Amino acid sequence: MTDIFKTSLTQFSTLLGRIGADPSRLMSVREWWYEMDEPVSMLVDPQEAFKADERTLLKVCLDNGIAYRATTTERPAAFPAWLFREVYREP
């Protein structure tokens, strides 16, 4: 019965599986794009796209009181994995 609550150590191959494995894990926009196999090479300017997405996620966090990790000189801003799913979800 307690096995239900154990997290599998195998890699999850689906988007929802990867998010569901640890939905509160903090990720930067760059980490999200690469981990979820998004087509970074198709972006004209990946850095600008990452910054724009970061601004969007930051606004959602501030507007809704969602915890996030602020940008520092050593690390980029990071947001909960579940939030990326909500923001990037197709309408």
C-alpha atoms as a PDB file:
ATOM      1  CA  MET A   1       0.000   0.000   0.000  1.00  0.00           C
ATOM      2  CA  THR A   2       2.805   2.464   0.762  1.00  0.00           C
ATOM      3  CA  ASP A   3       4.359   1.772  -2.667  1.00  0.00           C
ATOM      4  CA  ILE A   4       1.757   4.119  -4.146  1.00  0.00           C
ATOM      5  CA  PHE A   5       3.583   7.085  -2.674  1.00  0.00           C
ATOM      6  CA  LYS A   6       7.080   6.120  -3.791  1.00  0.00           C
ATOM      7  CA  THR A   7       8.448   8.062  -6.748  1.00  0.00           C
ATOM      8  CA  SER A   8       9.710   5.868  -9.536  1.00  0.00           C
ATOM      9  CA  LEU A   9      13.414   6.170 -10.277  1.00  0.00           C
ATOM     10  CA  THR A  10      12.909   5.534 -13.985  1.00  0.00           C
ATOM     11  CA  GLN A  11      12.999   8.405 -16.440  1.00  0.00           C
ATOM     12  CA  PHE A  12       9.609   9.665 -17.517  1.00  0.00           C
ATOM     13  CA  SER A  13       9.198   9.936 -21.257  1.00  0.00           C
ATOM     14  CA  THR A  14       6.092  12.092 -21.409  1.00  0.00           C
ATOM     15  CA  LEU A  15       5.705  15.754 -20.584  1.00  0.00           C
ATOM     16  CA  LEU A  16       3.097  15.092 -17.911  1.00  0.00           C
ATOM     17  CA  GLY A  17       5.183  12.262 -16.478  1.00  0.00           C
ATOM     18  CA  ARG A  18       8.191  14.534 -16.095  1.00  0.00           C
ATOM     19  CA  ILE A  19       6.119  17.280 -14.470  1.00  0.00           C
ATOM     20  CA  GLY A  20       4.204  14.834 -12.309  1.00  0.00           C
ATOM     21  CA  ALA A  21       7.408  13.310 -10.954  1.00  0.00           C
ATOM     22  CA  ASP A  22       8.133  16.532  -9.057  1.00  0.00           C
ATOM     23  CA  PRO A  23       5.629  19.318  -9.830  1.00  0.00           C
ATOM     24  CA  SER A  24       7.080  21.777  -7.329  1.00  0.00           C
ATOM     25  CA  ARG A  25      10.651  21.483  -8.645  1.00  0.00           C
ATOM     26  CA  LEU A  26      12.034  24.884  -9.597  1.00  0.00           C
ATOM     27  CA  MET A  27      13.304  25.219 -13.167  1.00  0.00           C
ATOM     28  CA  SER A  28      14.671  28.083 -15.206  1.00  0.00           C
ATOM     29  CA  VAL A  29      13.136  28.756 -18.605  1.00  0.00           C
ATOM     30  CA  ARG A  30      16.279  27.441 -20.298  1.00  0.00           C
ATOM     31  CA  GLU A  31      16.164  24.224 -18.236  1.00  0.00           C
ATOM     32  CA  TRP A  32      12.514  23.745 -19.169  1.00  0.00           C
ATOM     33  CA  TRP A  33      13.105  24.139 -22.904  1.00  0.00           C
ATOM     34  CA  TYR A  34      16.002  21.687 -22.934  1.00  0.00           C
ATOM     35  CA  GLU A  35      14.537  19.135 -20.538  1.00  0.00           C
ATOM     36  CA  MET A  36      11.196  19.025 -22.359  1.00  0.00           C
ATOM     37  CA  ASP A  37      12.930  18.710 -25.737  1.00  0.00           C
ATOM     38  CA  GLU A  38      11.462  21.935 -27.066  1.00  0.00           C
ATOM     39  CA  PRO A  39      12.874  23.001 -30.470  1.00  0.00           C
ATOM     40  CA  VAL A  40      15.393  25.587 -29.236  1.00  0.00           C
ATOM     41  CA  SER A  41      17.258  25.434 -32.549  1.00  0.00           C
ATOM     42  CA  MET A  42      14.183  26.813 -34.321  1.00  0.00           C
ATOM     43  CA  LEU A  43      14.198  30.014 -32.265  1.00  0.00           C
ATOM     44  CA  VAL A  44      15.635  33.071 -34.007  1.00  0.00           C
ATOM     45  CA  ASP A  45      17.068  34.378 -30.721  1.00  0.00           C
ATOM     46  CA  PRO A  46      16.828  31.801 -27.912  1.00  0.00           C
ATOM     47  CA  GLN A  47      18.075  34.237 -25.248  1.00  0.00           C
ATOM     48  CA  GLU A  48      15.377  36.773 -26.094  1.00  0.00           C
ATOM     49  CA  ALA A  49      12.712  34.054 -26.149  1.00  0.00           C
ATOM     50  CA  PHE A  50      13.870  32.803 -22.738  1.00  0.00           C
ATOM     51  CA  LYS A  51      13.800  36.338 -21.319  1.00  0.00           C
ATOM     52  CA  ALA A  52      10.294  36.972 -22.698  1.00  0.00           C
ATOM     53  CA  ASP A  53       9.038  33.700 -21.218  1.00  0.00           C
ATOM     54  CA  GLU A  54      10.695  34.559 -17.905  1.00  0.00           C
ATOM     55  CA  ARG A  55       8.887  37.914 -17.839  1.00  0.00           C
ATOM     56  CA  THR A  56       5.572  36.157 -18.513  1.00  0.00           C
ATOM     57  CA  LEU A  57       6.148  33.579 -15.779  1.00  0.00           C
ATOM     58  CA  LEU A  58       7.282  36.259 -13.328  1.00  0.00           C
ATOM     59  CA  LYS A  59       4.116  38.272 -13.969  1.00  0.00           C
ATOM     60  CA  VAL A  60       1.938  35.202 -13.387  1.00  0.00           C
ATOM     61  CA  CYS A  61       3.780  34.504 -10.116  1.00  0.00           C
ATOM     62  CA  LEU A  62       3.497  38.075  -8.864  1.00  0.00           C
ATOM     63  CA  ASP A  63      -0.168  38.399  -9.861  1.00  0.00           C
ATOM     64  CA  ASN A  64      -1.122  35.127  -8.165  1.00  0.00           C
ATOM     65  CA  GLY A  65       1.205  34.919  -5.163  1.00  0.00           C
ATOM     66  CA  ILE A  66       3.086  31.900  -6.544  1.00  0.00           C
ATOM     67  CA  ALA A  67       6.500  31.232  -5.020  1.00  0.00           C
ATOM     68  CA  TYR A  68       9.502  31.371  -7.362  1.00  0.00           C
ATOM     69  CA  ARG A  69      13.271  31.828  -7.141  1.00  0.00           C
ATOM     70  CA  ALA A  70      14.353  35.342  -8.077  1.00  0.00           C
ATOM     71  CA  THR A  71      17.260  36.012 -10.411  1.00  0.00           C
ATOM     72  CA  THR A  72      20.659  36.392  -8.754  1.00  0.00           C
ATOM     73  CA  THR A  73      24.087  37.092 -10.196  1.00  0.00           C
ATOM     74  CA  GLU A  74      24.789  33.358 -10.103  1.00  0.00           C
ATOM     75  CA  ARG A  75      21.448  31.809 -11.044  1.00  0.00           C
ATOM     76  CA  PRO A  76      18.530  32.652 -13.306  1.00  0.00           C
ATOM     77  CA  ALA A  77      14.973  32.941 -12.043  1.00  0.00           C
ATOM     78  CA  ALA A  78      13.267  29.598 -11.552  1.00  0.00           C
ATOM     79  CA  PHE A  79       9.615  28.643 -11.418  1.00  0.00           C
ATOM     80  CA  PRO A  80       7.636  25.550 -10.336  1.00  0.00           C
ATOM     81  CA  ALA A  81       7.496  22.897 -13.061  1.00  0.00           C
ATOM     82  CA  TRP A  82       3.687  22.791 -12.911  1.00  0.00           C
ATOM     83  CA  LEU A  83       3.513  26.508 -13.761  1.00  0.00           C
ATOM     84  CA  PHE A  84       5.246  25.971 -17.111  1.00  0.00           C
ATOM     85  CA  ARG A  85       2.514  23.504 -18.033  1.00  0.00           C
ATOM     86  CA  GLU A  86      -0.153  26.076 -17.204  1.00  0.00           C
ATOM     87  CA  VAL A  87       1.526  28.969 -19.025  1.00  0.00           C
ATOM     88  CA  TYR A  88       2.603  27.010 -22.112  1.00  0.00           C
ATOM     89  CA  ARG A  89      -0.658  25.089 -22.428  1.00  0.00           C
ATOM     90  CA  GLU A  90      -2.315  25.596 -25.785  1.00  0.00           C
ATOM     91  CA  PRO A  91      -5.585  27.555 -25.572  1.00  0.00           C
END
